Amino acid sequence: MLGWTLMFFFLAIVAAIFGFLGIASTLASIAKVLFIIFIVLFIASLILGRRRSM
């Protein structure tokens, strides 16, 4: 699951670079959505990772 979160994070960064530079304004909104998905998956992987190690 950590691999998926990292993939969403890098996609969000790339989309943010293109979106915030004005190349494509819709990519900025996609970057926001991908960043939220990254945060949710990251928190979920932290919680599930702690439960398995106990």
Protein backbone atom coordinates (compact mmCIF):
# COMPACT_ATOMS: atom_id res chain seq x y z
CA MET A 1 0.00 0.00 0.00
CA LEU A 2 2.93 2.32 0.59
CA GLY A 3 3.90 1.91 -3.06
CA TRP A 4 0.47 3.16 -4.14
CA THR A 5 0.70 6.16 -1.84
CA LEU A 6 4.11 7.08 -3.23
CA MET A 7 2.80 6.73 -6.78
CA PHE A 8 -0.15 9.05 -6.02
CA PHE A 9 2.23 11.49 -4.34
CA PHE A 10 4.55 11.69 -7.36
CA LEU A 11 1.59 12.00 -9.73
CA ALA A 12 0.26 14.85 -7.59
CA ILE A 13 3.64 16.61 -7.70
CA VAL A 14 3.88 16.29 -11.50
CA ALA A 15 0.28 17.45 -11.96
CA ALA A 16 0.92 20.37 -9.60
CA ILE A 17 4.00 21.47 -11.54
CA PHE A 18 2.09 21.51 -14.82
CA GLY A 19 -1.04 22.99 -13.29
CA PHE A 20 0.52 25.77 -11.26
CA LEU A 21 2.80 26.87 -14.07
CA GLY A 22 -0.25 27.60 -16.21
CA ILE A 23 0.42 24.84 -18.73
CA ALA A 24 -2.93 23.23 -17.91
CA SER A 25 -5.19 24.76 -15.32
CA THR A 26 -7.26 21.59 -14.90
CA LEU A 27 -4.17 19.71 -13.75
CA ALA A 28 -4.08 21.89 -10.64
CA SER A 29 -7.44 20.52 -9.52
CA ILE A 30 -6.28 16.99 -10.37
CA ALA A 31 -3.19 17.61 -8.25
CA LYS A 32 -5.34 18.63 -5.30
CA VAL A 33 -7.43 15.47 -5.60
CA LEU A 34 -4.37 13.24 -5.94
CA PHE A 35 -2.75 14.93 -2.95
CA ILE A 36 -5.83 14.26 -0.82
CA ILE A 37 -5.79 10.62 -1.96
CA PHE A 38 -2.11 10.45 -1.05
CA ILE A 39 -2.75 11.81 2.44
CA VAL A 40 -5.62 9.38 3.05
CA LEU A 41 -3.64 6.36 1.81
CA PHE A 42 -0.55 7.43 3.73
CA ILE A 43 -2.48 7.70 7.00
CA ALA A 44 -4.18 4.36 6.32
CA SER A 45 -0.84 2.67 5.66
CA LEU A 46 0.59 4.11 8.87
CA ILE A 47 -2.36 2.86 10.90
CA LEU A 48 -2.43 -0.58 9.30
CA GLY A 49 1.35 -0.88 9.55
CA ARG A 50 1.26 -0.24 13.30
CA ARG A 51 -1.49 -2.78 13.87
CA ARG A 52 0.40 -5.54 12.08
CA SER A 53 3.64 -4.98 13.98
CA MET A 54 1.96 -5.23 17.40
